Amino acid sequence: MSTADHPASGIGRILVFAGGLCGATGVALSAAAAHLGGAFVGTVASFLLMHAPVFLAVGLVGANRIMRTASLILLVGLVLFCGDLLARDFLGSRLFSMSAPIGGTLLIAGWLAVAASALRRPRS
């Protein structure tokens, strides 16, 4: 298959890359949670592992514009939410005020946009 035939190009490649990073980081943080503890490490690991397949699927399938946008919203929300929780555990401070709530809100909005993408009629 040539790169022109491969659906993972542009935003798709970014999403596949993000999916791989989320999966690898989720596994590493699961091990860290088991061995080192931390109030939020296990939560972050779960969030990363549950979102990794979404990024891979959207990146590889070449979904519609709404689904790609929803995935990018999820990615930004995941970075803010998980980044803030990890900063609390490892740095003892937040990323910035309201970063976790903003990230969580973006995660909810991203999932609602995923649902909305199903309502869009396919082009004939």
PDB file of N, CA and C in Angstrom:
ATOM      1  N   MET A   1       0.852  -1.168   0.000  1.00  0.00           N
ATOM      2  CA  MET A   1       0.000   0.000   0.000  1.00  0.00           C
ATOM      3  C   MET A   1       0.902   1.237   0.000  1.00  0.00           C
ATOM      4  N   SER A   2       0.664   2.126  -0.927  1.00  0.00           N
ATOM      5  CA  SER A   2       1.458   3.357  -0.974  1.00  0.00           C
ATOM      6  C   SER A   2       0.942   4.338   0.066  1.00  0.00           C
ATOM      7  N   THR A   3       1.738   5.367   0.355  1.00  0.00           N
ATOM      8  CA  THR A   3       1.299   6.347   1.350  1.00  0.00           C
ATOM      9  C   THR A   3       0.074   7.103   0.869  1.00  0.00           C
ATOM     10  N   ALA A   4      -0.103   7.224  -0.445  1.00  0.00           N
ATOM     11  CA  ALA A   4      -1.293   7.902  -0.963  1.00  0.00           C
ATOM     12  C   ALA A   4      -2.552   7.088  -0.678  1.00  0.00           C
ATOM     13  N   ASP A   5      -2.426   5.743  -0.618  1.00  0.00           N
ATOM     14  CA  ASP A   5      -3.575   4.890  -0.343  1.00  0.00           C
ATOM     15  C   ASP A   5      -3.847   4.751   1.143  1.00  0.00           C
ATOM     16  N   HIS A   6      -2.897   5.126   1.957  1.00  0.00           N
ATOM     17  CA  HIS A   6      -3.022   4.938   3.400  1.00  0.00           C
ATOM     18  C   HIS A   6      -3.857   6.064   3.999  1.00  0.00           C
ATOM     19  N   PRO A   7      -4.916   5.715   4.768  1.00  0.00           N
ATOM     20  CA  PRO A   7      -5.771   6.757   5.340  1.00  0.00           C
ATOM     21  C   PRO A   7      -5.084   7.607   6.390  1.00  0.00           C
ATOM     22  N   ALA A   8      -4.002   7.107   6.979  1.00  0.00           N
ATOM     23  CA  ALA A   8      -3.346   7.864   8.051  1.00  0.00           C
ATOM     24  C   ALA A   8      -2.395   8.896   7.456  1.00  0.00           C
ATOM     25  N   SER A   9      -2.941  10.021   7.055  1.00  0.00           N
ATOM     26  CA  SER A   9      -2.113  11.117   6.557  1.00  0.00           C
ATOM     27  C   SER A   9      -2.618  12.407   7.192  1.00  0.00           C
ATOM     28  N   GLY A  10      -1.755  13.405   7.329  1.00  0.00           N
ATOM     29  CA  GLY A  10      -2.155  14.674   7.934  1.00  0.00           C
ATOM     30  C   GLY A  10      -2.597  14.487   9.371  1.00  0.00           C
ATOM     31  N   ILE A  11      -3.834  14.886   9.637  1.00  0.00           N
ATOM     32  CA  ILE A  11      -4.383  14.757  10.988  1.00  0.00           C
ATOM     33  C   ILE A  11      -4.430  13.293  11.407  1.00  0.00           C
ATOM     34  N   GLY A  12      -4.680  12.409  10.451  1.00  0.00           N
ATOM     35  CA  GLY A  12      -4.707  10.982  10.762  1.00  0.00           C
ATOM     36  C   GLY A  12      -3.397  10.489  11.339  1.00  0.00           C
ATOM     37  N   ARG A  13      -2.295  10.948  10.771  1.00  0.00           N
ATOM     38  CA  ARG A  13      -0.969  10.547  11.284  1.00  0.00           C
ATOM     39  C   ARG A  13      -0.756  11.083  12.693  1.00  0.00           C
ATOM     40  N   ILE A  14      -1.192  12.299  12.936  1.00  0.00           N
ATOM     41  CA  ILE A  14      -1.072  12.886  14.280  1.00  0.00           C
ATOM     42  C   ILE A  14      -1.874  12.050  15.277  1.00  0.00           C
ATOM     43  N   LEU A  15      -3.076  11.636  14.880  1.00  0.00           N
ATOM     44  CA  LEU A  15      -3.920  10.856  15.784  1.00  0.00           C
ATOM     45  C   LEU A  15      -3.346   9.461  16.034  1.00  0.00           C
ATOM     46  N   VAL A  16      -2.784   8.833  15.008  1.00  0.00           N
ATOM     47  CA  VAL A  16      -2.150   7.530  15.208  1.00  0.00           C
ATOM     48  C   VAL A  16      -0.953   7.677  16.141  1.00  0.00           C
ATOM     49  N   PHE A  17      -0.158   8.709  15.926  1.00  0.00           N
ATOM     50  CA  PHE A  17       0.982   8.995  16.810  1.00  0.00           C
ATOM     51  C   PHE A  17       0.505   9.197  18.247  1.00  0.00           C
ATOM     52  N   ALA A  18      -0.552  10.013  18.421  1.00  0.00           N
ATOM     53  CA  ALA A  18      -1.104  10.267  19.758  1.00  0.00           C
ATOM     54  C   ALA A  18      -1.623   8.973  20.383  1.00  0.00           C
ATOM     55  N   GLY A  19      -2.264   8.128  19.581  1.00  0.00           N
ATOM     56  CA  GLY A  19      -2.766   6.858  20.095  1.00  0.00           C
ATOM     57  C   GLY A  19      -1.645   5.967  20.592  1.00  0.00           C
ATOM     58  N   GLY A  20      -0.553   5.910  19.823  1.00  0.00           N
ATOM     59  CA  GLY A  20       0.595   5.125  20.254  1.00  0.00           C
ATOM     60  C   GLY A  20       1.214   5.657  21.529  1.00  0.00           C
ATOM     61  N   LEU A  21       1.366   6.984  21.612  1.00  0.00           N
ATOM     62  CA  LEU A  21       1.915   7.586  22.830  1.00  0.00           C
ATOM     63  C   LEU A  21       1.003   7.367  24.033  1.00  0.00           C
ATOM     64  N   CYS A  22      -0.305   7.521  23.820  1.00  0.00           N
ATOM     65  CA  CYS A  22      -1.248   7.302  24.925  1.00  0.00           C
ATOM     66  C   CYS A  22      -1.187   5.866  25.410  1.00  0.00           C
ATOM     67  N   GLY A  23      -1.119   4.916  24.479  1.00  0.00           N
ATOM     68  CA  GLY A  23      -1.045   3.514  24.870  1.00  0.00           C
ATOM     69  C   GLY A  23       0.225   3.205  25.647  1.00  0.00           C
ATOM     70  N   ALA A  24       1.363   3.642  25.118  1.00  0.00           N
ATOM     71  CA  ALA A  24       2.640   3.373  25.790  1.00  0.00           C
ATOM     72  C   ALA A  24       2.711   4.051  27.149  1.00  0.00           C
ATOM     73  N   THR A  25       2.290   5.308  27.212  1.00  0.00           N
ATOM     74  CA  THR A  25       2.319   6.039  28.485  1.00  0.00           C
ATOM     75  C   THR A  25       1.328   5.445  29.471  1.00  0.00           C
ATOM     76  N   GLY A  26       0.175   5.008  28.974  1.00  0.00           N
ATOM     77  CA  GLY A  26      -0.817   4.386  29.852  1.00  0.00           C
ATOM     78  C   GLY A  26      -0.301   3.114  30.491  1.00  0.00           C
ATOM     79  N   VAL A  27       0.394   2.293  29.704  1.00  0.00           N
ATOM     80  CA  VAL A  27       0.968   1.060  30.249  1.00  0.00           C
ATOM     81  C   VAL A  27       2.055   1.389  31.269  1.00  0.00           C
ATOM     82  N   ALA A  28       2.938   2.339  30.925  1.00  0.00           N
ATOM     83  CA  ALA A  28       4.013   2.722  31.853  1.00  0.00           C
ATOM     84  C   ALA A  28       3.446   3.287  33.153  1.00  0.00           C
ATOM     85  N   LEU A  29       2.413   4.108  33.048  1.00  0.00           N
ATOM     86  CA  LEU A  29       1.824   4.690  34.257  1.00  0.00           C
ATOM     87  C   LEU A  29       1.036   3.662  35.055  1.00  0.00           C
ATOM     88  N   SER A  30       0.486   2.643  34.393  1.00  0.00           N
ATOM     89  CA  SER A  30      -0.164   1.554  35.135  1.00  0.00           C
ATOM     90  C   SER A  30       0.856   0.832  36.009  1.00  0.00           C
ATOM     91  N   ALA A  31       2.035   0.598  35.447  1.00  0.00           N
ATOM     92  CA  ALA A  31       3.108  -0.030  36.237  1.00  0.00           C
ATOM     93  C   ALA A  31       3.555   0.890  37.362  1.00  0.00           C
ATOM     94  N   ALA A  32       3.685   2.173  37.073  1.00  0.00           N
ATOM     95  CA  ALA A  32       4.087   3.131  38.110  1.00  0.00           C
ATOM     96  C   ALA A  32       3.056   3.175  39.230  1.00  0.00           C
ATOM     97  N   ALA A  33       1.784   3.132  38.864  1.00  0.00           N
ATOM     98  CA  ALA A  33       0.727   3.160  39.886  1.00  0.00           C
ATOM     99  C   ALA A  33       0.799   1.929  40.771  1.00  0.00           C
ATOM    100  N   ALA A  34       1.115   0.791  40.162  1.00  0.00           N
ATOM    101  CA  ALA A  34       1.191  -0.453  40.933  1.00  0.00           C
ATOM    102  C   ALA A  34       2.396  -0.470  41.866  1.00  0.00           C
ATOM    103  N   HIS A  35       3.489   0.136  41.440  1.00  0.00           N
ATOM    104  CA  HIS A  35       4.721   0.062  42.221  1.00  0.00           C
ATOM    105  C   HIS A  35       4.996   1.294  43.075  1.00  0.00           C
ATOM    106  N   LEU A  36       4.612   2.469  42.567  1.00  0.00           N
ATOM    107  CA  LEU A  36       4.951   3.707  43.265  1.00  0.00           C
ATOM    108  C   LEU A  36       3.756   4.381  43.932  1.00  0.00           C
ATOM    109  N   GLY A  37       2.581   4.062  43.469  1.00  0.00           N
ATOM    110  CA  GLY A  37       1.393   4.717  44.013  1.00  0.00           C
ATOM    111  C   GLY A  37       1.182   6.094  43.413  1.00  0.00           C
ATOM    112  N   GLY A  38       0.641   6.965  44.198  1.00  0.00           N
ATOM    113  CA  GLY A  38       0.279   8.287  43.711  1.00  0.00           C
ATOM    114  C   GLY A  38      -1.231   8.359  43.629  1.00  0.00           C
ATOM    115  N   ALA A  39      -1.770   9.449  44.068  1.00  0.00           N
ATOM    116  CA  ALA A  39      -3.218   9.585  44.145  1.00  0.00           C
ATOM    117  C   ALA A  39      -3.892   9.539  42.774  1.00  0.00           C
ATOM    118  N   PHE A  40      -3.212  10.036  41.735  1.00  0.00           N
ATOM    119  CA  PHE A  40      -3.863  10.198  40.434  1.00  0.00           C
ATOM    120  C   PHE A  40      -3.248   9.379  39.309  1.00  0.00           C
ATOM    121  N   VAL A  41      -2.126   8.723  39.540  1.00  0.00           N
ATOM    122  CA  VAL A  41      -1.409   8.026  38.468  1.00  0.00           C
ATOM    123  C   VAL A  41      -2.280   6.944  37.823  1.00  0.00           C
ATOM    124  N   GLY A  42      -2.966   6.158  38.623  1.00  0.00           N
ATOM    125  CA  GLY A  42      -3.838   5.106  38.084  1.00  0.00           C
ATOM    126  C   GLY A  42      -4.980   5.663  37.262  1.00  0.00           C
ATOM    127  N   THR A  43      -5.536   6.781  37.707  1.00  0.00           N
ATOM    128  CA  THR A  43      -6.615   7.424  36.955  1.00  0.00           C
ATOM    129  C   THR A  43      -6.113   7.886  35.599  1.00  0.00           C
ATOM    130  N   VAL A  44      -4.950   8.520  35.582  1.00  0.00           N
ATOM    131  CA  VAL A  44      -4.369   8.993  34.325  1.00  0.00           C
ATOM    132  C   VAL A  44      -4.096   7.818  33.396  1.00  0.00           C
ATOM    133  N   ALA A  45      -3.541   6.735  33.933  1.00  0.00           N
ATOM    134  CA  ALA A  45      -3.263   5.548  33.122  1.00  0.00           C
ATOM    135  C   ALA A  45      -4.541   5.026  32.476  1.00  0.00           C
ATOM    136  N   SER A  46      -5.610   4.966  33.243  1.00  0.00           N
ATOM    137  CA  SER A  46      -6.896   4.493  32.703  1.00  0.00           C
ATOM    138  C   SER A  46      -7.410   5.402  31.601  1.00  0.00           C
ATOM    139  N   PHE A  47      -7.335   6.706  31.812  1.00  0.00           N
ATOM    140  CA  PHE A  47      -7.804   7.652  30.806  1.00  0.00           C
ATOM    141  C   PHE A  47      -6.997   7.525  29.517  1.00  0.00           C
ATOM    142  N   LEU A  48      -5.687   7.396  29.654  1.00  0.00           N
ATOM    143  CA  LEU A  48      -4.846   7.266  28.465  1.00  0.00           C
ATOM    144  C   LEU A  48      -5.152   5.978  27.711  1.00  0.00           C
ATOM    145  N   LEU A  49      -5.281   4.879  28.447  1.00  0.00           N
ATOM    146  CA  LEU A  49      -5.536   3.592  27.798  1.00  0.00           C
ATOM    147  C   LEU A  49      -6.928   3.528  27.167  1.00  0.00           C
ATOM    148  N   MET A  50      -7.910   4.211  27.745  1.00  0.00           N
ATOM    149  CA  MET A  50      -9.247   4.154  27.139  1.00  0.00           C
ATOM    150  C   MET A  50      -9.375   5.062  25.917  1.00  0.00           C
ATOM    151  N   HIS A  51      -8.528   6.080  25.800  1.00  0.00           N
ATOM    152  CA  HIS A  51      -8.608   6.980  24.651  1.00  0.00           C
ATOM    153  C   HIS A  51      -7.672   6.582  23.517  1.00  0.00           C
ATOM    154  N   ALA A  52      -6.629   5.813  23.804  1.00  0.00           N
ATOM    155  CA  ALA A  52      -5.671   5.414  22.768  1.00  0.00           C
ATOM    156  C   ALA A  52      -6.347   4.737  21.565  1.00  0.00           C
ATOM    157  N   PRO A  53      -7.257   3.768  21.777  1.00  0.00           N
ATOM    158  CA  PRO A  53      -7.892   3.132  20.612  1.00  0.00           C
ATOM    159  C   PRO A  53      -8.736   4.097  19.775  1.00  0.00           C
ATOM    160  N   VAL A  54      -9.302   5.108  20.409  1.00  0.00           N
ATOM    161  CA  VAL A  54     -10.095   6.092  19.667  1.00  0.00           C
ATOM    162  C   VAL A  54      -9.204   6.816  18.673  1.00  0.00           C
ATOM    163  N   PHE A  55      -8.043   7.292  19.148  1.00  0.00           N
ATOM    164  CA  PHE A  55      -7.131   8.022  18.267  1.00  0.00           C
ATOM    165  C   PHE A  55      -6.627   7.122  17.145  1.00  0.00           C
ATOM    166  N   LEU A  56      -6.302   5.878  17.465  1.00  0.00           N
ATOM    167  CA  LEU A  56      -5.842   4.946  16.438  1.00  0.00           C
ATOM    168  C   LEU A  56      -6.920   4.703  15.394  1.00  0.00           C
ATOM    169  N   ALA A  57      -8.129   4.433  15.843  1.00  0.00           N
ATOM    170  CA  ALA A  57      -9.225   4.133  14.912  1.00  0.00           C
ATOM    171  C   ALA A  57      -9.522   5.320  13.995  1.00  0.00           C
ATOM    172  N   VAL A  58      -9.656   6.493  14.562  1.00  0.00           N
ATOM    173  CA  VAL A  58      -9.978   7.669  13.746  1.00  0.00           C
ATOM    174  C   VAL A  58      -8.823   7.979  12.805  1.00  0.00           C
ATOM    175  N   GLY A  59      -7.599   7.851  13.295  1.00  0.00           N
ATOM    176  CA  GLY A  59      -6.444   8.124  12.458  1.00  0.00           C
ATOM    177  C   GLY A  59      -6.295   7.143  11.311  1.00  0.00           C
ATOM    178  N   LEU A  60      -6.599   5.881  11.537  1.00  0.00           N
ATOM    179  CA  LEU A  60      -6.420   4.864  10.514  1.00  0.00           C
ATOM    180  C   LEU A  60      -7.593   4.768   9.545  1.00  0.00           C
ATOM    181  N   VAL A  61      -8.795   5.028  10.029  1.00  0.00           N
ATOM    182  CA  VAL A  61      -9.974   4.881   9.187  1.00  0.00           C
ATOM    183  C   VAL A  61     -10.176   6.095   8.279  1.00  0.00           C
ATOM    184  N   GLY A  62      -9.690   7.241   8.698  1.00  0.00           N
ATOM    185  CA  GLY A  62      -9.908   8.444   7.904  1.00  0.00           C
ATOM    186  C   GLY A  62     -11.345   8.923   8.022  1.00  0.00           C
ATOM    187  N   ALA A  63     -11.800   9.120   9.227  1.00  0.00           N
ATOM    188  CA  ALA A  63     -13.185   9.479   9.526  1.00  0.00           C
ATOM    189  C   ALA A  63     -13.543  10.866   8.983  1.00  0.00           C
ATOM    190  N   ASN A  64     -14.826  11.209   9.110  1.00  0.00           N
ATOM    191  CA  ASN A  64     -15.292  12.505   8.609  1.00  0.00           C
ATOM    192  C   ASN A  64     -14.715  13.658   9.435  1.00  0.00           C
ATOM    193  N   ARG A  65     -14.917  14.859   8.937  1.00  0.00           N
ATOM    194  CA  ARG A  65     -14.339  16.061   9.555  1.00  0.00           C
ATOM    195  C   ARG A  65     -14.799  16.243  10.991  1.00  0.00           C
ATOM    196  N   ILE A  66     -16.074  15.968  11.268  1.00  0.00           N
ATOM    197  CA  ILE A  66     -16.587  16.125  12.634  1.00  0.00           C
ATOM    198  C   ILE A  66     -15.871  15.158  13.575  1.00  0.00           C
ATOM    199  N   MET A  67     -15.670  13.927  13.132  1.00  0.00           N
ATOM    200  CA  MET A  67     -14.996  12.928  13.973  1.00  0.00           C
ATOM    201  C   MET A  67     -13.530  13.307  14.186  1.00  0.00           C
ATOM    202  N   ARG A  68     -12.873  13.809  13.155  1.00  0.00           N
ATOM    203  CA  ARG A  68     -11.472  14.235  13.331  1.00  0.00           C
ATOM    204  C   ARG A  68     -11.386  15.408  14.293  1.00  0.00           C
ATOM    205  N   THR A  69     -12.299  16.365  14.165  1.00  0.00           N
ATOM    206  CA  THR A  69     -12.328  17.507  15.076  1.00  0.00           C
ATOM    207  C   THR A  69     -12.615  17.036  16.498  1.00  0.00           C
ATOM    208  N   ALA A  70     -13.563  16.120  16.648  1.00  0.00           N
ATOM    209  CA  ALA A  70     -13.884  15.566  17.970  1.00  0.00           C
ATOM    210  C   ALA A  70     -12.655  14.908  18.585  1.00  0.00           C
ATOM    211  N   SER A  71     -11.892  14.193  17.770  1.00  0.00           N
ATOM    212  CA  SER A  71     -10.692  13.525  18.265  1.00  0.00           C
ATOM    213  C   SER A  71      -9.646  14.523  18.728  1.00  0.00           C
ATOM    214  N   LEU A  72      -9.500  15.619  18.006  1.00  0.00           N
ATOM    215  CA  LEU A  72      -8.543  16.649  18.421  1.00  0.00           C
ATOM    216  C   LEU A  72      -8.988  17.323  19.712  1.00  0.00           C
ATOM    217  N   ILE A  73     -10.301  17.532  19.874  1.00  0.00           N
ATOM    218  CA  ILE A  73     -10.829  18.081  21.128  1.00  0.00           C
ATOM    219  C   ILE A  73     -10.536  17.108  22.272  1.00  0.00           C
ATOM    220  N   LEU A  74     -10.753  15.812  22.024  1.00  0.00           N
ATOM    221  CA  LEU A  74     -10.441  14.800  23.042  1.00  0.00           C
ATOM    222  C   LEU A  74      -8.961  14.838  23.404  1.00  0.00           C
ATOM    223  N   LEU A  75      -8.109  14.984  22.399  1.00  0.00           N
ATOM    224  CA  LEU A  75      -6.670  14.989  22.648  1.00  0.00           C
ATOM    225  C   LEU A  75      -6.251  16.175  23.515  1.00  0.00           C
ATOM    226  N   VAL A  76      -6.757  17.355  23.210  1.00  0.00           N
ATOM    227  CA  VAL A  76      -6.427  18.537  24.013  1.00  0.00           C
ATOM    228  C   VAL A  76      -6.965  18.370  25.434  1.00  0.00           C
ATOM    229  N   GLY A  77      -8.193  17.889  25.553  1.00  0.00           N
ATOM    230  CA  GLY A  77      -8.768  17.652  26.877  1.00  0.00           C
ATOM    231  C   GLY A  77      -7.967  16.642  27.677  1.00  0.00           C
ATOM    232  N   LEU A  78      -7.523  15.584  27.002  1.00  0.00           N
ATOM    233  CA  LEU A  78      -6.739  14.543  27.670  1.00  0.00           C
ATOM    234  C   LEU A  78      -5.406  15.094  28.166  1.00  0.00           C
ATOM    235  N   VAL A  79      -4.750  15.891  27.345  1.00  0.00           N
ATOM    236  CA  VAL A  79      -3.464  16.483  27.751  1.00  0.00           C
ATOM    237  C   VAL A  79      -3.652  17.383  28.968  1.00  0.00           C
ATOM    238  N   LEU A  80      -4.677  18.230  28.946  1.00  0.00           N
ATOM    239  CA  LEU A  80      -4.907  19.136  30.080  1.00  0.00           C
ATOM    240  C   LEU A  80      -5.301  18.372  31.342  1.00  0.00           C
ATOM    241  N   PHE A  81      -6.259  17.474  31.216  1.00  0.00           N
ATOM    242  CA  PHE A  81      -6.754  16.739  32.380  1.00  0.00           C
ATOM    243  C   PHE A  81      -5.656  15.856  32.985  1.00  0.00           C
ATOM    244  N   CYS A  82      -5.056  15.006  32.138  1.00  0.00           N
ATOM    245  CA  CYS A  82      -4.035  14.091  32.636  1.00  0.00           C
ATOM    246  C   CYS A  82      -2.774  14.840  33.049  1.00  0.00           C
ATOM    247  N   GLY A  83      -2.415  15.859  32.298  1.00  0.00           N
ATOM    248  CA  GLY A  83      -1.233  16.644  32.653  1.00  0.00           C
ATOM    249  C   GLY A  83      -1.372  17.284  34.018  1.00  0.00           C
ATOM    250  N   ASP A  84      -2.557  17.804  34.305  1.00  0.00           N
ATOM    251  CA  ASP A  84      -2.773  18.429  35.607  1.00  0.00           C
ATOM    252  C   ASP A  84      -2.695  17.404  36.740  1.00  0.00           C
ATOM    253  N   LEU A  85      -3.322  16.240  36.535  1.00  0.00           N
ATOM    254  CA  LEU A  85      -3.286  15.221  37.583  1.00  0.00           C
ATOM    255  C   LEU A  85      -1.867  14.713  37.821  1.00  0.00           C
ATOM    256  N   LEU A  86      -1.106  14.515  36.749  1.00  0.00           N
ATOM    257  CA  LEU A  86       0.277  14.075  36.912  1.00  0.00           C
ATOM    258  C   LEU A  86       1.133  15.148  37.567  1.00  0.00           C
ATOM    259  N   ALA A  87       0.898  16.403  37.216  1.00  0.00           N
ATOM    260  CA  ALA A  87       1.650  17.495  37.846  1.00  0.00           C
ATOM    261  C   ALA A  87       1.382  17.525  39.348  1.00  0.00           C
ATOM    262  N   ARG A  88       0.148  17.261  39.739  1.00  0.00           N
ATOM    263  CA  ARG A  88      -0.174  17.231  41.172  1.00  0.00           C
ATOM    264  C   ARG A  88       0.602  16.130  41.889  1.00  0.00           C
ATOM    265  N   ASP A  89       0.659  14.939  41.249  1.00  0.00           N
ATOM    266  CA  ASP A  89       1.365  13.822  41.880  1.00  0.00           C
ATOM    267  C   ASP A  89       2.873  13.996  41.864  1.00  0.00           C
ATOM    268  N   PHE A  90       3.428  14.390  40.735  1.00  0.00           N
ATOM    269  CA  PHE A  90       4.888  14.392  40.590  1.00  0.00           C
ATOM    270  C   PHE A  90       5.550  15.730  40.903  1.00  0.00           C
ATOM    271  N   LEU A  91       4.826  16.829  40.717  1.00  0.00           N
ATOM    272  CA  LEU A  91       5.413  18.148  40.971  1.00  0.00           C
ATOM    273  C   LEU A  91       4.863  18.825  42.222  1.00  0.00           C
ATOM    274  N   GLY A  92       3.739  18.314  42.710  1.00  0.00           N
ATOM    275  CA  GLY A  92       3.117  18.898  43.889  1.00  0.00           C
ATOM    276  C   GLY A  92       2.354  20.179  43.606  1.00  0.00           C
ATOM    277  N   SER A  93       2.129  20.483  42.322  1.00  0.00           N
ATOM    278  CA  SER A  93       1.351  21.676  41.963  1.00  0.00           C
ATOM    279  C   SER A  93       0.581  21.392  40.677  1.00  0.00           C
ATOM    280  N   ARG A  94      -0.311  22.294  40.351  1.00  0.00           N
ATOM    281  CA  ARG A  94      -1.136  22.148  39.151  1.00  0.00           C
ATOM    282  C   ARG A  94      -0.417  22.700  37.931  1.00  0.00           C
ATOM    283  N   LEU A  95      -0.898  22.302  36.743  1.00  0.00           N
ATOM    284  CA  LEU A  95      -0.392  22.917  35.513  1.00  0.00           C
ATOM    285  C   LEU A  95      -0.696  24.401  35.528  1.00  0.00           C
ATOM    286  N   PHE A  96      -1.974  24.730  35.681  1.00  0.00           N
ATOM    287  CA  PHE A  96      -2.456  26.089  35.862  1.00  0.00           C
ATOM    288  C   PHE A  96      -3.850  25.996  36.447  1.00  0.00           C
ATOM    289  N   SER A  97      -4.327  27.077  36.981  1.00  0.00           N
ATOM    290  CA  SER A  97      -5.651  27.086  37.600  1.00  0.00           C
ATOM    291  C   SER A  97      -6.705  26.629  36.598  1.00  0.00           C
ATOM    292  N   MET A  98      -7.531  25.706  36.991  1.00  0.00           N
ATOM    293  CA  MET A  98      -8.651  25.188  36.203  1.00  0.00           C
ATOM    294  C   MET A  98      -8.242  24.285  35.041  1.00  0.00           C
ATOM    295  N   SER A  99      -6.992  23.830  34.990  1.00  0.00           N
ATOM    296  CA  SER A  99      -6.588  22.986  33.859  1.00  0.00           C
ATOM    297  C   SER A  99      -7.327  21.642  33.849  1.00  0.00           C
ATOM    298  N   ALA A 100      -7.490  21.005  34.991  1.00  0.00           N
ATOM    299  CA  ALA A 100      -8.221  19.734  35.019  1.00  0.00           C
ATOM    300  C   ALA A 100      -9.702  19.926  34.678  1.00  0.00           C
ATOM    301  N   PRO A 101     -10.389  20.917  35.249  1.00  0.00           N
ATOM    302  CA  PRO A 101     -11.788  21.104  34.863  1.00  0.00           C
ATOM    303  C   PRO A 101     -11.961  21.479  33.383  1.00  0.00           C
ATOM    304  N   ILE A 102     -11.061  22.279  32.855  1.00  0.00           N
ATOM    305  CA  ILE A 102     -11.136  22.622  31.431  1.00  0.00           C
ATOM    306  C   ILE A 102     -10.899  21.359  30.599  1.00  0.00           C
ATOM    307  N   GLY A 103      -9.887  20.596  30.979  1.00  0.00           N
ATOM    308  CA  GLY A 103      -9.612  19.350  30.270  1.00  0.00           C
ATOM    309  C   GLY A 103     -10.777  18.380  30.340  1.00  0.00           C
ATOM    310  N   GLY A 104     -11.375  18.239  31.518  1.00  0.00           N
ATOM    311  CA  GLY A 104     -12.530  17.356  31.665  1.00  0.00           C
ATOM    312  C   GLY A 104     -13.713  17.820  30.839  1.00  0.00           C
ATOM    313  N   THR A 105     -13.933  19.116  30.800  1.00  0.00           N
ATOM    314  CA  THR A 105     -15.019  19.665  29.985  1.00  0.00           C
ATOM    315  C   THR A 105     -14.765  19.405  28.503  1.00  0.00           C
ATOM    316  N   LEU A 106     -13.510  19.560  28.073  1.00  0.00           N
ATOM    317  CA  LEU A 106     -13.173  19.258  26.682  1.00  0.00           C
ATOM    318  C   LEU A 106     -13.352  17.775  26.369  1.00  0.00           C
ATOM    319  N   LEU A 107     -13.046  16.908  27.330  1.00  0.00           N
ATOM    320  CA  LEU A 107     -13.277  15.479  27.121  1.00  0.00           C
ATOM    321  C   LEU A 107     -14.765  15.191  26.920  1.00  0.00           C
ATOM    322  N   ILE A 108     -15.594  15.791  27.741  1.00  0.00           N
ATOM    323  CA  ILE A 108     -17.047  15.609  27.583  1.00  0.00           C
ATOM    324  C   ILE A 108     -17.496  16.156  26.233  1.00  0.00           C
ATOM    325  N   ALA A 109     -17.036  17.351  25.882  1.00  0.00           N
ATOM    326  CA  ALA A 109     -17.410  17.960  24.605  1.00  0.00           C
ATOM    327  C   ALA A 109     -16.927  17.108  23.431  1.00  0.00           C
ATOM    328  N   GLY A 110     -15.720  16.556  23.551  1.00  0.00           N
ATOM    329  CA  GLY A 110     -15.198  15.701  22.491  1.00  0.00           C
ATOM    330  C   GLY A 110     -16.048  14.465  22.280  1.00  0.00           C
ATOM    331  N   TRP A 111     -16.460  13.844  23.375  1.00  0.00           N
ATOM    332  CA  TRP A 111     -17.313  12.656  23.243  1.00  0.00           C
ATOM    333  C   TRP A 111     -18.684  13.014  22.681  1.00  0.00           C
ATOM    334  N   LEU A 112     -19.212  14.180  23.051  1.00  0.00           N
ATOM    335  CA  LEU A 112     -20.481  14.613  22.454  1.00  0.00           C
ATOM    336  C   LEU A 112     -20.316  14.884  20.959  1.00  0.00           C
ATOM    337  N   ALA A 113     -19.164  15.407  20.564  1.00  0.00           N
ATOM    338  CA  ALA A 113     -18.902  15.629  19.141  1.00  0.00           C
ATOM    339  C   ALA A 113     -18.763  14.294  18.401  1.00  0.00           C
ATOM    340  N   VAL A 114     -18.185  13.287  19.065  1.00  0.00           N
ATOM    341  CA  VAL A 114     -18.143  11.944  18.467  1.00  0.00           C
ATOM    342  C   VAL A 114     -19.569  11.473  18.194  1.00  0.00           C
ATOM    343  N   ALA A 115     -20.444  11.642  19.175  1.00  0.00           N
ATOM    344  CA  ALA A 115     -21.851  11.243  18.991  1.00  0.00           C
ATOM    345  C   ALA A 115     -22.487  12.042  17.856  1.00  0.00           C
ATOM    346  N   ALA A 116     -22.197  13.329  17.796  1.00  0.00           N
ATOM    347  CA  ALA A 116     -22.775  14.184  16.748  1.00  0.00           C
ATOM    348  C   ALA A 116     -22.294  13.758  15.362  1.00  0.00           C
ATOM    349  N   SER A 117     -21.078  13.229  15.274  1.00  0.00           N
ATOM    350  CA  SER A 117     -20.564  12.820  13.970  1.00  0.00           C
ATOM    351  C   SER A 117     -21.408  11.712  13.351  1.00  0.00           C
ATOM    352  N   ALA A 118     -22.060  10.943  14.193  1.00  0.00           N
ATOM    353  CA  ALA A 118     -22.927   9.865  13.678  1.00  0.00           C
ATOM    354  C   ALA A 118     -24.200  10.413  13.052  1.00  0.00           C
ATOM    355  N   LEU A 119     -24.563  11.637  13.374  1.00  0.00           N
ATOM    356  CA  LEU A 119     -25.793  12.227  12.842  1.00  0.00           C
ATOM    357  C   LEU A 119     -25.587  12.870  11.480  1.00  0.00           C
ATOM    358  N   ARG A 120     -24.335  13.044  11.099  1.00  0.00           N
ATOM    359  CA  ARG A 120     -24.043  13.661   9.805  1.00  0.00           C
ATOM    360  C   ARG A 120     -24.299  12.657   8.693  1.00  0.00           C
ATOM    361  N   ARG A 121     -25.019  13.097   7.695  1.00  0.00           N
ATOM    362  CA  ARG A 121     -25.309  12.215   6.560  1.00  0.00           C
ATOM    363  C   ARG A 121     -24.066  12.063   5.703  1.00  0.00           C
ATOM    364  N   PRO A 122     -23.795  10.830   5.294  1.00  0.00           N
ATOM    365  CA  PRO A 122     -22.641  10.633   4.401  1.00  0.00           C
ATOM    366  C   PRO A 122     -22.905  11.255   3.039  1.00  0.00           C
ATOM    367  N   ARG A 123     -21.842  11.744   2.424  1.00  0.00           N
ATOM    368  CA  ARG A 123     -21.979  12.323   1.086  1.00  0.00           C
ATOM    369  C   ARG A 123     -22.150  11.215   0.070  1.00  0.00           C
ATOM    370  N   SER A 124     -22.991  11.474  -0.893  1.00  0.00           N
ATOM    371  CA  SER A 124     -23.237  10.471  -1.941  1.00  0.00           C
ATOM    372  C   SER A 124     -22.232  10.549  -3.050  1.00  0.00           C
TER     373      SER A 124
END
